[in-house]
């Protein structure tokens, strides 16, 4: 292991931040409350989520509202690291901010199409967004309808693709969200090579490439299990990037006539051995992919602790933690058993 001296300082800071990540037992404790309100109050006792009730501005903490509030903490972590980072690290963070931009954009879109007002006060993050993004968050949260929302994205990379969907007259919320996701992954795949040093780009390629591959496999699996999409519809939903999957792998899985055929096609992909290993103790294929991706992120961070992998892995684990917290709150809301995934690095 060769330490990149330019990453020593920020890697040390990230290790301190990682200590504040919740353990499996911490998240399990949230699911044991009888109400989302009580669980959210307990969440605020952890240092990483202190003040969550105050951020809600006195409003009731429903499950959906808590999820959106949690992303404030993720963006706060980004700002802390950005202020601490050197020029080289900021090049990566400038690219990575697209991830938060997409998340906030999709929240605003969901609010707009659902006729909901800006409960979370996203406009107060306009200053942070303005430093790293071309989107005007204030205009988006004030959009009265979808057409106005899309027009308020003129001058950004999202306008043309969303406008085409609107003009088709057949666009649903998932159609717009998928278009935004595809724009994001294509951007990340291109920018890592254009903007980053070769060593940094190689690290990001490993984790981003696997992430894209397994997202595509998971979307194919879920469509076969739940949605019954035609092969043409499914092809249009996939991210047009291949890392360790071949085009033949994709075609065979997409054209599988049922889940058994899908599983047979899945056995031919590069990740099949590891997938089968995790599937022995995990029934949900989505959870299998989640464990595999998490293992890859952690391995990259352990192999290259003083590199961009430290930043990349921290944000992945933090967002995964947020998903687990939301799952715990959903178990309370829907009164179903909860099984937390491990999140501590």
C-alpha atoms as a PDB file:
ATOM      1  CA  UNK A   1       0.000   0.000   0.000  1.00  0.00           C
ATOM      2  CA  UNK A   2       1.465   3.351  -1.129  1.00  0.00           C
ATOM      3  CA  UNK A   3       0.046   6.346   0.740  1.00  0.00           C
ATOM      4  CA  UNK A   4      -0.846   9.387  -1.344  1.00  0.00           C
ATOM      5  CA  UNK A   5       0.379  12.199   0.921  1.00  0.00           C
ATOM      6  CA  UNK A   6      -2.154  14.665  -0.471  1.00  0.00           C
ATOM      7  CA  UNK A   7      -4.916  12.499   1.053  1.00  0.00           C
ATOM      8  CA  UNK A   8      -3.440  11.946   4.522  1.00  0.00           C
ATOM      9  CA  UNK A   9      -5.194  14.900   6.170  1.00  0.00           C
ATOM     10  CA  UNK A  10      -8.657  14.377   4.703  1.00  0.00           C
ATOM     11  CA  UNK A  11      -8.481  10.593   5.229  1.00  0.00           C
ATOM     12  CA  UNK A  12      -7.737  11.182   8.919  1.00  0.00           C
ATOM     13  CA  UNK A  13     -10.726  13.520   9.174  1.00  0.00           C
ATOM     14  CA  UNK A  14     -12.960  10.963   7.457  1.00  0.00           C
ATOM     15  CA  UNK A  15     -11.934   8.253   9.919  1.00  0.00           C
ATOM     16  CA  UNK A  16     -13.101  10.557  12.729  1.00  0.00           C
ATOM     17  CA  UNK A  17     -16.421  11.086  10.920  1.00  0.00           C
ATOM     18  CA  UNK A  18     -16.823   7.345  10.381  1.00  0.00           C
ATOM     19  CA  UNK A  19     -16.772   6.798  14.117  1.00  0.00           C
ATOM     20  CA  UNK A  20     -20.098   8.636  14.270  1.00  0.00           C
ATOM     21  CA  UNK A  21     -21.802   6.207  11.881  1.00  0.00           C
ATOM     22  CA  UNK A  22     -24.528   4.209  13.594  1.00  0.00           C
ATOM     23  CA  UNK A  23     -24.040   0.545  14.375  1.00  0.00           C
ATOM     24  CA  UNK A  24     -26.486  -2.226  13.498  1.00  0.00           C
ATOM     25  CA  UNK A  25     -27.634  -2.168  17.135  1.00  0.00           C
ATOM     26  CA  UNK A  26     -28.205   1.600  16.993  1.00  0.00           C
ATOM     27  CA  UNK A  27     -30.493   1.280  13.995  1.00  0.00           C
ATOM     28  CA  UNK A  28     -32.240  -1.742  15.485  1.00  0.00           C
ATOM     29  CA  UNK A  29     -33.008   0.370  18.563  1.00  0.00           C
ATOM     30  CA  UNK A  30     -34.923   2.844  16.373  1.00  0.00           C
ATOM     31  CA  UNK A  31     -37.196   0.110  15.068  1.00  0.00           C
ATOM     32  CA  UNK A  32     -38.212  -0.856  18.605  1.00  0.00           C
ATOM     33  CA  UNK A  33     -40.189   2.361  19.184  1.00  0.00           C
ATOM     34  CA  UNK A  34     -43.953   2.420  18.720  1.00  0.00           C
ATOM     35  CA  UNK A  35     -44.076   5.658  16.745  1.00  0.00           C
ATOM     36  CA  UNK A  36     -41.969   7.417  14.126  1.00  0.00           C
ATOM     37  CA  UNK A  37     -42.022  10.551  16.283  1.00  0.00           C
ATOM     38  CA  UNK A  38     -40.428   8.720  19.246  1.00  0.00           C
ATOM     39  CA  UNK A  39     -37.887   6.985  17.005  1.00  0.00           C
ATOM     40  CA  UNK A  40     -36.922  10.328  15.439  1.00  0.00           C
ATOM     41  CA  UNK A  41     -36.495  11.841  18.903  1.00  0.00           C
ATOM     42  CA  UNK A  42     -34.153   8.966  19.817  1.00  0.00           C
ATOM     43  CA  UNK A  43     -32.260   9.472  16.541  1.00  0.00           C
ATOM     44  CA  UNK A  44     -31.596  13.062  17.574  1.00  0.00           C
ATOM     45  CA  UNK A  45     -29.697  11.757  20.616  1.00  0.00           C
ATOM     46  CA  UNK A  46     -26.905  10.498  18.346  1.00  0.00           C
ATOM     47  CA  UNK A  47     -24.204  13.074  17.665  1.00  0.00           C
ATOM     48  CA  UNK A  48     -24.424  12.621  13.898  1.00  0.00           C
ATOM     49  CA  UNK A  49     -28.135  13.560  13.858  1.00  0.00           C
ATOM     50  CA  UNK A  50     -28.325  16.078  16.675  1.00  0.00           C
ATOM     51  CA  UNK A  51     -30.964  18.758  16.167  1.00  0.00           C
ATOM     52  CA  UNK A  52     -33.162  16.811  13.757  1.00  0.00           C
ATOM     53  CA  UNK A  53     -36.326  17.965  15.571  1.00  0.00           C
ATOM     54  CA  UNK A  54     -35.225  21.603  15.242  1.00  0.00           C
ATOM     55  CA  UNK A  55     -34.628  21.148  11.517  1.00  0.00           C
ATOM     56  CA  UNK A  56     -38.260  20.033  11.205  1.00  0.00           C
ATOM     57  CA  UNK A  57     -39.211  23.542  12.373  1.00  0.00           C
ATOM     58  CA  UNK A  58     -41.786  22.249  14.843  1.00  0.00           C
ATOM     59  CA  UNK A  59     -43.712  20.231  12.274  1.00  0.00           C
ATOM     60  CA  UNK A  60     -44.726  16.631  12.776  1.00  0.00           C
ATOM     61  CA  UNK A  61     -42.020  14.124  11.906  1.00  0.00           C
ATOM     62  CA  UNK A  62     -43.570  11.640   9.511  1.00  0.00           C
ATOM     63  CA  UNK A  63     -41.507   8.893   7.911  1.00  0.00           C
ATOM     64  CA  UNK A  64     -41.179  10.660   4.533  1.00  0.00           C
ATOM     65  CA  UNK A  65     -40.264  13.955   6.180  1.00  0.00           C
ATOM     66  CA  UNK A  66     -37.543  12.330   8.295  1.00  0.00           C
ATOM     67  CA  UNK A  67     -36.011  10.742   5.187  1.00  0.00           C
ATOM     68  CA  UNK A  68     -35.731  14.110   3.478  1.00  0.00           C
ATOM     69  CA  UNK A  69     -34.354  15.766   6.596  1.00  0.00           C
ATOM     70  CA  UNK A  70     -31.630  13.151   6.865  1.00  0.00           C
ATOM     71  CA  UNK A  71     -30.142  14.277   3.567  1.00  0.00           C
ATOM     72  CA  UNK A  72     -29.417  17.665   5.141  1.00  0.00           C
ATOM     73  CA  UNK A  73     -26.875  15.889   7.330  1.00  0.00           C
ATOM     74  CA  UNK A  74     -25.294  14.274   4.290  1.00  0.00           C
ATOM     75  CA  UNK A  75     -24.910  17.646   2.575  1.00  0.00           C
ATOM     76  CA  UNK A  76     -23.558  19.135   5.800  1.00  0.00           C
ATOM     77  CA  UNK A  77     -20.879  16.416   5.814  1.00  0.00           C
ATOM     78  CA  UNK A  78     -20.057  17.299   2.222  1.00  0.00           C
ATOM     79  CA  UNK A  79     -19.591  20.953   3.143  1.00  0.00           C
ATOM     80  CA  UNK A  80     -17.317  20.059   6.073  1.00  0.00           C
ATOM     81  CA  UNK A  81     -15.085  17.949   3.839  1.00  0.00           C
ATOM     82  CA  UNK A  82     -15.121  20.487   1.020  1.00  0.00           C
ATOM     83  CA  UNK A  83     -13.866  23.235   3.323  1.00  0.00           C
ATOM     84  CA  UNK A  84     -11.126  20.895   4.574  1.00  0.00           C
ATOM     85  CA  UNK A  85     -10.134  19.520   1.143  1.00  0.00           C
ATOM     86  CA  UNK A  86      -7.235  20.568  -1.035  1.00  0.00           C
ATOM     87  CA  UNK A  87      -7.454  21.397  -4.745  1.00  0.00           C
ATOM     88  CA  UNK A  88      -7.113  17.778  -5.863  1.00  0.00           C
ATOM     89  CA  UNK A  89      -9.814  16.491  -3.507  1.00  0.00           C
ATOM     90  CA  UNK A  90     -12.142  19.337  -4.460  1.00  0.00           C
ATOM     91  CA  UNK A  91     -11.997  18.243  -8.089  1.00  0.00           C
ATOM     92  CA  UNK A  92     -13.574  14.965  -7.055  1.00  0.00           C
ATOM     93  CA  UNK A  93     -16.015  16.593  -4.631  1.00  0.00           C
ATOM     94  CA  UNK A  94     -17.157  19.003  -7.363  1.00  0.00           C
ATOM     95  CA  UNK A  95     -18.014  15.989  -9.518  1.00  0.00           C
ATOM     96  CA  UNK A  96     -19.568  14.058  -6.637  1.00  0.00           C
ATOM     97  CA  UNK A  97     -21.874  16.952  -5.757  1.00  0.00           C
ATOM     98  CA  UNK A  98     -23.917  15.953  -8.806  1.00  0.00           C
ATOM     99  CA  UNK A  99     -25.167  13.097  -6.597  1.00  0.00           C
ATOM    100  CA  UNK A 100     -26.738  15.567  -4.137  1.00  0.00           C
ATOM    101  CA  UNK A 101     -27.994  17.756  -6.959  1.00  0.00           C
ATOM    102  CA  UNK A 102     -29.863  14.781  -8.411  1.00  0.00           C
ATOM    103  CA  UNK A 103     -31.323  13.821  -5.029  1.00  0.00           C
ATOM    104  CA  UNK A 104     -32.624  17.333  -4.365  1.00  0.00           C
ATOM    105  CA  UNK A 105     -33.868  17.677  -7.933  1.00  0.00           C
ATOM    106  CA  UNK A 106     -35.894  14.464  -7.564  1.00  0.00           C
ATOM    107  CA  UNK A 107     -37.345  15.620  -4.225  1.00  0.00           C
ATOM    108  CA  UNK A 108     -38.434  18.891  -5.845  1.00  0.00           C
ATOM    109  CA  UNK A 109     -39.886  17.009  -8.819  1.00  0.00           C
ATOM    110  CA  UNK A 110     -41.792  14.655  -6.514  1.00  0.00           C
ATOM    111  CA  UNK A 111     -43.190  17.629  -4.570  1.00  0.00           C
ATOM    112  CA  UNK A 112     -44.179  19.435  -7.765  1.00  0.00           C
ATOM    113  CA  UNK A 113     -45.948  16.477  -9.402  1.00  0.00           C
ATOM    114  CA  UNK A 114     -47.612  15.587  -6.096  1.00  0.00           C
ATOM    115  CA  UNK A 115     -48.835  19.132  -5.524  1.00  0.00           C
ATOM    116  CA  UNK A 116     -46.926  19.393  -2.238  1.00  0.00           C
ATOM    117  CA  UNK A 117     -45.326  22.557  -0.948  1.00  0.00           C
ATOM    118  CA  UNK A 118     -41.733  22.839   0.193  1.00  0.00           C
ATOM    119  CA  UNK A 119     -42.083  21.354   3.685  1.00  0.00           C
ATOM    120  CA  UNK A 120     -38.366  21.004   4.181  1.00  0.00           C
ATOM    121  CA  UNK A 121     -37.468  24.549   3.260  1.00  0.00           C
ATOM    122  CA  UNK A 122     -35.044  23.317   0.595  1.00  0.00           C
ATOM    123  CA  UNK A 123     -34.634  26.910  -0.562  1.00  0.00           C
ATOM    124  CA  UNK A 124     -32.474  27.593   2.502  1.00  0.00           C
ATOM    125  CA  UNK A 125     -29.840  25.369   0.886  1.00  0.00           C
ATOM    126  CA  UNK A 126     -29.730  27.670  -2.142  1.00  0.00           C
ATOM    127  CA  UNK A 127     -26.386  29.125  -1.055  1.00  0.00           C
ATOM    128  CA  UNK A 128     -24.695  25.708  -0.844  1.00  0.00           C
ATOM    129  CA  UNK A 129     -26.248  24.565  -4.114  1.00  0.00           C
ATOM    130  CA  UNK A 130     -25.200  27.781  -5.775  1.00  0.00           C
ATOM    131  CA  UNK A 131     -21.534  27.012  -5.048  1.00  0.00           C
ATOM    132  CA  UNK A 132     -21.588  23.651  -6.806  1.00  0.00           C
ATOM    133  CA  UNK A 133     -24.647  23.527  -9.071  1.00  0.00           C
ATOM    134  CA  UNK A 134     -26.324  25.457 -11.888  1.00  0.00           C
ATOM    135  CA  UNK A 135     -29.856  24.612 -10.796  1.00  0.00           C
ATOM    136  CA  UNK A 136     -31.886  27.358  -9.134  1.00  0.00           C
ATOM    137  CA  UNK A 137     -33.398  25.593  -6.141  1.00  0.00           C
ATOM    138  CA  UNK A 138     -35.592  28.562  -5.220  1.00  0.00           C
ATOM    139  CA  UNK A 139     -37.260  28.569  -8.634  1.00  0.00           C
ATOM    140  CA  UNK A 140     -37.738  24.796  -8.527  1.00  0.00           C
ATOM    141  CA  UNK A 141     -39.431  24.734  -5.121  1.00  0.00           C
ATOM    142  CA  UNK A 142     -41.709  27.577  -6.186  1.00  0.00           C
ATOM    143  CA  UNK A 143     -42.755  25.900  -9.464  1.00  0.00           C
ATOM    144  CA  UNK A 144     -46.556  25.686  -9.641  1.00  0.00           C
ATOM    145  CA  UNK A 145     -46.707  22.860 -12.191  1.00  0.00           C
ATOM    146  CA  UNK A 146     -44.510  20.450 -14.148  1.00  0.00           C
ATOM    147  CA  UNK A 147     -44.141  22.711 -17.204  1.00  0.00           C
ATOM    148  CA  UNK A 148     -42.902  25.563 -15.037  1.00  0.00           C
ATOM    149  CA  UNK A 149     -40.582  23.171 -13.198  1.00  0.00           C
ATOM    150  CA  UNK A 150     -38.989  22.000 -16.443  1.00  0.00           C
ATOM    151  CA  UNK A 151     -38.705  25.525 -17.842  1.00  0.00           C
ATOM    152  CA  UNK A 152     -36.887  26.527 -14.652  1.00  0.00           C
ATOM    153  CA  UNK A 153     -34.191  24.002 -15.590  1.00  0.00           C
ATOM    154  CA  UNK A 154     -33.218  25.815 -18.794  1.00  0.00           C
ATOM    155  CA  UNK A 155     -29.468  26.213 -18.988  1.00  0.00           C
ATOM    156  CA  UNK A 156     -28.834  22.945 -17.150  1.00  0.00           C
ATOM    157  CA  UNK A 157     -28.132  19.489 -18.531  1.00  0.00           C
ATOM    158  CA  UNK A 158     -31.552  18.247 -17.452  1.00  0.00           C
ATOM    159  CA  UNK A 159     -33.768  20.565 -19.485  1.00  0.00           C
ATOM    160  CA  UNK A 160     -33.684  18.935 -22.927  1.00  0.00           C
ATOM    161  CA  UNK A 161     -34.234  15.362 -21.770  1.00  0.00           C
ATOM    162  CA  UNK A 162     -37.108  16.268 -19.413  1.00  0.00           C
ATOM    163  CA  UNK A 163     -38.665  18.537 -22.042  1.00  0.00           C
ATOM    164  CA  UNK A 164     -38.731  15.679 -24.537  1.00  0.00           C
ATOM    165  CA  UNK A 165     -40.563  13.473 -22.050  1.00  0.00           C
ATOM    166  CA  UNK A 166     -43.082  16.251 -21.345  1.00  0.00           C
ATOM    167  CA  UNK A 167     -43.717  16.817 -25.050  1.00  0.00           C
ATOM    168  CA  UNK A 168     -44.382  13.103 -25.541  1.00  0.00           C
ATOM    169  CA  UNK A 169     -47.474  13.481 -23.352  1.00  0.00           C
ATOM    170  CA  UNK A 170     -46.833  10.099 -21.740  1.00  0.00           C
ATOM    171  CA  UNK A 171     -44.361  10.954 -18.977  1.00  0.00           C
ATOM    172  CA  UNK A 172     -44.916   9.642 -15.438  1.00  0.00           C
ATOM    173  CA  UNK A 173     -42.855  10.398 -12.315  1.00  0.00           C
ATOM    174  CA  UNK A 174     -40.731   7.211 -12.770  1.00  0.00           C
ATOM    175  CA  UNK A 175     -40.024   8.227 -16.389  1.00  0.00           C
ATOM    176  CA  UNK A 176     -38.661  11.601 -15.308  1.00  0.00           C
ATOM    177  CA  UNK A 177     -36.705  10.069 -12.406  1.00  0.00           C
ATOM    178  CA  UNK A 178     -35.132   7.425 -14.656  1.00  0.00           C
ATOM    179  CA  UNK A 179     -34.088  10.101 -17.157  1.00  0.00           C
ATOM    180  CA  UNK A 180     -32.432  12.090 -14.362  1.00  0.00           C
ATOM    181  CA  UNK A 181     -30.628   8.973 -13.067  1.00  0.00           C
ATOM    182  CA  UNK A 182     -29.319   8.073 -16.517  1.00  0.00           C
ATOM    183  CA  UNK A 183     -28.066  11.622 -17.016  1.00  0.00           C
ATOM    184  CA  UNK A 184     -26.275  11.397 -13.662  1.00  0.00           C
ATOM    185  CA  UNK A 185     -24.492   8.087 -14.265  1.00  0.00           C
ATOM    186  CA  UNK A 186     -23.425   9.073 -17.778  1.00  0.00           C
ATOM    187  CA  UNK A 187     -22.034  12.323 -16.380  1.00  0.00           C
ATOM    188  CA  UNK A 188     -20.103  10.578 -13.583  1.00  0.00           C
ATOM    189  CA  UNK A 189     -18.667   7.956 -15.946  1.00  0.00           C
ATOM    190  CA  UNK A 190     -17.422  10.645 -18.326  1.00  0.00           C
ATOM    191  CA  UNK A 191     -16.186  13.217 -15.808  1.00  0.00           C
ATOM    192  CA  UNK A 192     -14.060  10.831 -13.733  1.00  0.00           C
ATOM    193  CA  UNK A 193     -11.704  10.406 -16.693  1.00  0.00           C
ATOM    194  CA  UNK A 194     -11.837  14.005 -17.880  1.00  0.00           C
ATOM    195  CA  UNK A 195     -11.369  15.785 -14.551  1.00  0.00           C
ATOM    196  CA  UNK A 196      -9.473  13.448 -12.196  1.00  0.00           C
ATOM    197  CA  UNK A 197      -5.886  12.296 -11.991  1.00  0.00           C
ATOM    198  CA  UNK A 198      -5.375   8.821 -13.424  1.00  0.00           C
ATOM    199  CA  UNK A 199      -4.974   7.159 -10.002  1.00  0.00           C
ATOM    200  CA  UNK A 200      -8.155   8.792  -8.654  1.00  0.00           C
ATOM    201  CA  UNK A 201     -10.096   7.888 -11.809  1.00  0.00           C
ATOM    202  CA  UNK A 202      -9.040   4.237 -11.481  1.00  0.00           C
ATOM    203  CA  UNK A 203     -10.422   4.068  -7.916  1.00  0.00           C
ATOM    204  CA  UNK A 204     -13.736   5.621  -8.912  1.00  0.00           C
ATOM    205  CA  UNK A 205     -14.015   3.365 -11.964  1.00  0.00           C
ATOM    206  CA  UNK A 206     -13.941   0.264  -9.752  1.00  0.00           C
ATOM    207  CA  UNK A 207     -16.758   1.294  -7.426  1.00  0.00           C
ATOM    208  CA  UNK A 208     -18.864   3.264  -9.915  1.00  0.00           C
ATOM    209  CA  UNK A 209     -18.542   0.541 -12.541  1.00  0.00           C
ATOM    210  CA  UNK A 210     -19.686  -2.215 -10.185  1.00  0.00           C
ATOM    211  CA  UNK A 211     -22.472   0.039  -8.900  1.00  0.00           C
ATOM    212  CA  UNK A 212     -23.778   0.633 -12.424  1.00  0.00           C
ATOM    213  CA  UNK A 213     -23.514  -3.045 -13.370  1.00  0.00           C
ATOM    214  CA  UNK A 214     -25.416  -4.229 -10.308  1.00  0.00           C
ATOM    215  CA  UNK A 215     -28.012  -1.471 -10.545  1.00  0.00           C
ATOM    216  CA  UNK A 216     -28.749  -2.642 -14.077  1.00  0.00           C
ATOM    217  CA  UNK A 217     -28.938  -6.281 -12.979  1.00  0.00           C
ATOM    218  CA  UNK A 218     -31.180  -5.334 -10.066  1.00  0.00           C
ATOM    219  CA  UNK A 219     -33.498  -3.279 -12.258  1.00  0.00           C
ATOM    220  CA  UNK A 220     -33.798  -6.221 -14.660  1.00  0.00           C
ATOM    221  CA  UNK A 221     -34.544  -8.562 -11.739  1.00  0.00           C
ATOM    222  CA  UNK A 222     -37.168  -6.248 -10.223  1.00  0.00           C
ATOM    223  CA  UNK A 223     -38.882  -5.714 -13.556  1.00  0.00           C
ATOM    224  CA  UNK A 224     -39.119  -9.485 -14.044  1.00  0.00           C
ATOM    225  CA  UNK A 225     -40.466 -10.007 -10.530  1.00  0.00           C
ATOM    226  CA  UNK A 226     -42.813  -7.043 -10.142  1.00  0.00           C
ATOM    227  CA  UNK A 227     -43.468  -5.045 -13.298  1.00  0.00           C
ATOM    228  CA  UNK A 228     -43.632  -7.343 -16.313  1.00  0.00           C
ATOM    229  CA  UNK A 229     -41.962  -4.853 -18.666  1.00  0.00           C
ATOM    230  CA  UNK A 230     -41.302  -5.779 -22.260  1.00  0.00           C
ATOM    231  CA  UNK A 231     -37.646  -6.188 -23.311  1.00  0.00           C
ATOM    232  CA  UNK A 232     -37.854  -2.892 -25.237  1.00  0.00           C
ATOM    233  CA  UNK A 233     -39.233  -1.017 -22.213  1.00  0.00           C
ATOM    234  CA  UNK A 234     -36.575  -2.549 -19.993  1.00  0.00           C
ATOM    235  CA  UNK A 235     -33.692  -1.709 -22.333  1.00  0.00           C
ATOM    236  CA  UNK A 236     -34.781   1.933 -22.203  1.00  0.00           C
ATOM    237  CA  UNK A 237     -34.513   1.920 -18.393  1.00  0.00           C
ATOM    238  CA  UNK A 238     -30.940   0.636 -18.213  1.00  0.00           C
ATOM    239  CA  UNK A 239     -27.876   2.808 -17.707  1.00  0.00           C
ATOM    240  CA  UNK A 240     -25.972   2.668 -21.029  1.00  0.00           C
ATOM    241  CA  UNK A 241     -22.617   1.909 -19.384  1.00  0.00           C
ATOM    242  CA  UNK A 242     -20.942  -1.501 -19.198  1.00  0.00           C
ATOM    243  CA  UNK A 243     -18.097  -2.314 -16.790  1.00  0.00           C
ATOM    244  CA  UNK A 244     -17.772  -6.057 -16.215  1.00  0.00           C
ATOM    245  CA  UNK A 245     -21.081  -6.977 -17.804  1.00  0.00           C
ATOM    246  CA  UNK A 246     -21.074  -7.781 -21.495  1.00  0.00           C
ATOM    247  CA  UNK A 247     -23.812  -6.748 -23.883  1.00  0.00           C
ATOM    248  CA  UNK A 248     -24.590 -10.460 -24.267  1.00  0.00           C
ATOM    249  CA  UNK A 249     -25.109 -10.726 -20.476  1.00  0.00           C
ATOM    250  CA  UNK A 250     -27.574  -7.829 -20.571  1.00  0.00           C
ATOM    251  CA  UNK A 251     -29.509  -9.125 -23.584  1.00  0.00           C
ATOM    252  CA  UNK A 252     -29.882 -12.614 -22.114  1.00  0.00           C
ATOM    253  CA  UNK A 253     -31.146 -11.322 -18.752  1.00  0.00           C
ATOM    254  CA  UNK A 254     -33.512  -8.807 -20.356  1.00  0.00           C
ATOM    255  CA  UNK A 255     -34.989 -11.437 -22.668  1.00  0.00           C
ATOM    256  CA  UNK A 256     -35.417 -14.026 -19.880  1.00  0.00           C
ATOM    257  CA  UNK A 257     -39.029 -15.163 -19.911  1.00  0.00           C
ATOM    258  CA  UNK A 258     -39.289 -15.722 -16.149  1.00  0.00           C
ATOM    259  CA  UNK A 259     -37.230 -15.522 -12.950  1.00  0.00           C
ATOM    260  CA  UNK A 260     -35.763 -19.007 -13.418  1.00  0.00           C
ATOM    261  CA  UNK A 261     -34.456 -17.998 -16.835  1.00  0.00           C
ATOM    262  CA  UNK A 262     -33.119 -14.781 -15.325  1.00  0.00           C
ATOM    263  CA  UNK A 263     -31.227 -16.714 -12.624  1.00  0.00           C
ATOM    264  CA  UNK A 264     -29.667 -18.963 -15.289  1.00  0.00           C
ATOM    265  CA  UNK A 265     -28.511 -15.915 -17.244  1.00  0.00           C
ATOM    266  CA  UNK A 266     -27.239 -14.289 -14.049  1.00  0.00           C
ATOM    267  CA  UNK A 267     -24.920 -17.268 -13.446  1.00  0.00           C
ATOM    268  CA  UNK A 268     -22.926 -16.215 -16.527  1.00  0.00           C
ATOM    269  CA  UNK A 269     -21.986 -12.730 -15.317  1.00  0.00           C
ATOM    270  CA  UNK A 270     -18.632 -11.862 -13.718  1.00  0.00           C
ATOM    271  CA  UNK A 271     -20.193 -11.371 -10.275  1.00  0.00           C
ATOM    272  CA  UNK A 272     -22.041 -14.686 -10.145  1.00  0.00           C
ATOM    273  CA  UNK A 273     -19.714 -16.463  -7.675  1.00  0.00           C
ATOM    274  CA  UNK A 274     -19.977 -13.679  -5.091  1.00  0.00           C
ATOM    275  CA  UNK A 275     -23.715 -13.312  -5.633  1.00  0.00           C
ATOM    276  CA  UNK A 276     -24.230 -17.027  -4.945  1.00  0.00           C
ATOM    277  CA  UNK A 277     -22.077 -16.724  -1.809  1.00  0.00           C
ATOM    278  CA  UNK A 278     -24.229 -13.939  -0.343  1.00  0.00           C
ATOM    279  CA  UNK A 279     -27.486 -15.544  -1.464  1.00  0.00           C
ATOM    280  CA  UNK A 280     -26.906 -18.497   0.878  1.00  0.00           C
ATOM    281  CA  UNK A 281     -27.868 -16.317   3.853  1.00  0.00           C
ATOM    282  CA  UNK A 282     -30.033 -13.703   2.163  1.00  0.00           C
ATOM    283  CA  UNK A 283     -33.377 -14.248   0.429  1.00  0.00           C
ATOM    284  CA  UNK A 284     -33.730 -10.786  -1.101  1.00  0.00           C
ATOM    285  CA  UNK A 285     -31.708 -10.400  -4.287  1.00  0.00           C
ATOM    286  CA  UNK A 286     -31.712  -6.629  -3.791  1.00  0.00           C
ATOM    287  CA  UNK A 287     -30.016  -7.157  -0.419  1.00  0.00           C
ATOM    288  CA  UNK A 288     -27.514  -9.548  -2.018  1.00  0.00           C
ATOM    289  CA  UNK A 289     -26.462  -6.846  -4.482  1.00  0.00           C
ATOM    290  CA  UNK A 290     -26.330  -4.302  -1.661  1.00  0.00           C
ATOM    291  CA  UNK A 291     -23.940  -6.490   0.348  1.00  0.00           C
ATOM    292  CA  UNK A 292     -21.751  -7.108  -2.693  1.00  0.00           C
ATOM    293  CA  UNK A 293     -21.471  -3.396  -3.537  1.00  0.00           C
ATOM    294  CA  UNK A 294     -20.771  -2.536   0.111  1.00  0.00           C
ATOM    295  CA  UNK A 295     -17.985  -5.131   0.255  1.00  0.00           C
ATOM    296  CA  UNK A 296     -16.369  -3.659  -2.841  1.00  0.00           C
ATOM    297  CA  UNK A 297     -16.476  -0.113  -1.443  1.00  0.00           C
ATOM    298  CA  UNK A 298     -14.953  -1.254   1.844  1.00  0.00           C
ATOM    299  CA  UNK A 299     -12.252  -3.279   0.117  1.00  0.00           C
ATOM    300  CA  UNK A 300     -11.241  -0.293  -2.014  1.00  0.00           C
ATOM    301  CA  UNK A 301     -11.059   1.879   1.102  1.00  0.00           C
ATOM    302  CA  UNK A 302      -8.942  -0.697   2.955  1.00  0.00           C
ATOM    303  CA  UNK A 303      -6.588  -1.222   0.012  1.00  0.00           C
ATOM    304  CA  UNK A 304      -6.167   2.524  -0.552  1.00  0.00           C
ATOM    305  CA  UNK A 305      -6.955   4.295   2.730  1.00  0.00           C
ATOM    306  CA  UNK A 306      -5.048   7.422   1.677  1.00  0.00           C
ATOM    307  CA  UNK A 307      -6.774   8.014  -1.630  1.00  0.00           C
ATOM    308  CA  UNK A 308     -10.055   9.226  -3.094  1.00  0.00           C
ATOM    309  CA  UNK A 309     -11.479   5.857  -1.972  1.00  0.00           C
ATOM    310  CA  UNK A 310     -11.729   7.232   1.577  1.00  0.00           C
ATOM    311  CA  UNK A 311     -14.090  10.025   0.461  1.00  0.00           C
ATOM    312  CA  UNK A 312     -15.999   7.799  -1.929  1.00  0.00           C
ATOM    313  CA  UNK A 313     -16.584   5.060   0.642  1.00  0.00           C
ATOM    314  CA  UNK A 314     -17.595   7.443   3.413  1.00  0.00           C
ATOM    315  CA  UNK A 315     -20.392   9.005   1.383  1.00  0.00           C
ATOM    316  CA  UNK A 316     -21.559   5.571   0.240  1.00  0.00           C
ATOM    317  CA  UNK A 317     -21.721   4.259   3.827  1.00  0.00           C
ATOM    318  CA  UNK A 318     -23.408   7.412   5.117  1.00  0.00           C
ATOM    319  CA  UNK A 319     -26.129   7.249   2.494  1.00  0.00           C
ATOM    320  CA  UNK A 320     -26.547   3.540   3.113  1.00  0.00           C
ATOM    321  CA  UNK A 321     -26.972   4.333   6.802  1.00  0.00           C
ATOM    322  CA  UNK A 322     -29.726   6.795   5.930  1.00  0.00           C
ATOM    323  CA  UNK A 323     -31.496   4.134   3.876  1.00  0.00           C
ATOM    324  CA  UNK A 324     -31.317   1.758   6.845  1.00  0.00           C
ATOM    325  CA  UNK A 325     -32.738   4.402   9.183  1.00  0.00           C
ATOM    326  CA  UNK A 326     -35.619   4.955   6.774  1.00  0.00           C
ATOM    327  CA  UNK A 327     -36.193   1.186   6.607  1.00  0.00           C
ATOM    328  CA  UNK A 328     -36.375   1.107  10.412  1.00  0.00           C
ATOM    329  CA  UNK A 329     -38.947   3.909  10.374  1.00  0.00           C
ATOM    330  CA  UNK A 330     -40.939   2.107   7.684  1.00  0.00           C
ATOM    331  CA  UNK A 331     -41.039  -0.995   9.872  1.00  0.00           C
ATOM    332  CA  UNK A 332     -42.684   1.129  12.581  1.00  0.00           C
ATOM    333  CA  UNK A 333     -45.068   2.833  10.160  1.00  0.00           C
ATOM    334  CA  UNK A 334     -46.202  -0.407   8.514  1.00  0.00           C
ATOM    335  CA  UNK A 335     -45.823  -2.544  11.664  1.00  0.00           C
ATOM    336  CA  UNK A 336     -43.576  -5.147  10.044  1.00  0.00           C
ATOM    337  CA  UNK A 337     -40.394  -6.823  11.387  1.00  0.00           C
ATOM    338  CA  UNK A 338     -37.134  -5.045  10.791  1.00  0.00           C
ATOM    339  CA  UNK A 339     -33.751  -6.524   9.905  1.00  0.00           C
ATOM    340  CA  UNK A 340     -31.038  -3.885   9.749  1.00  0.00           C
ATOM    341  CA  UNK A 341     -28.029  -4.214   7.496  1.00  0.00           C
ATOM    342  CA  UNK A 342     -24.635  -3.605   9.028  1.00  0.00           C
ATOM    343  CA  UNK A 343     -23.462  -0.061   8.355  1.00  0.00           C
ATOM    344  CA  UNK A 344     -20.422   0.369  10.604  1.00  0.00           C
ATOM    345  CA  UNK A 345     -17.225   0.350   8.489  1.00  0.00           C
END
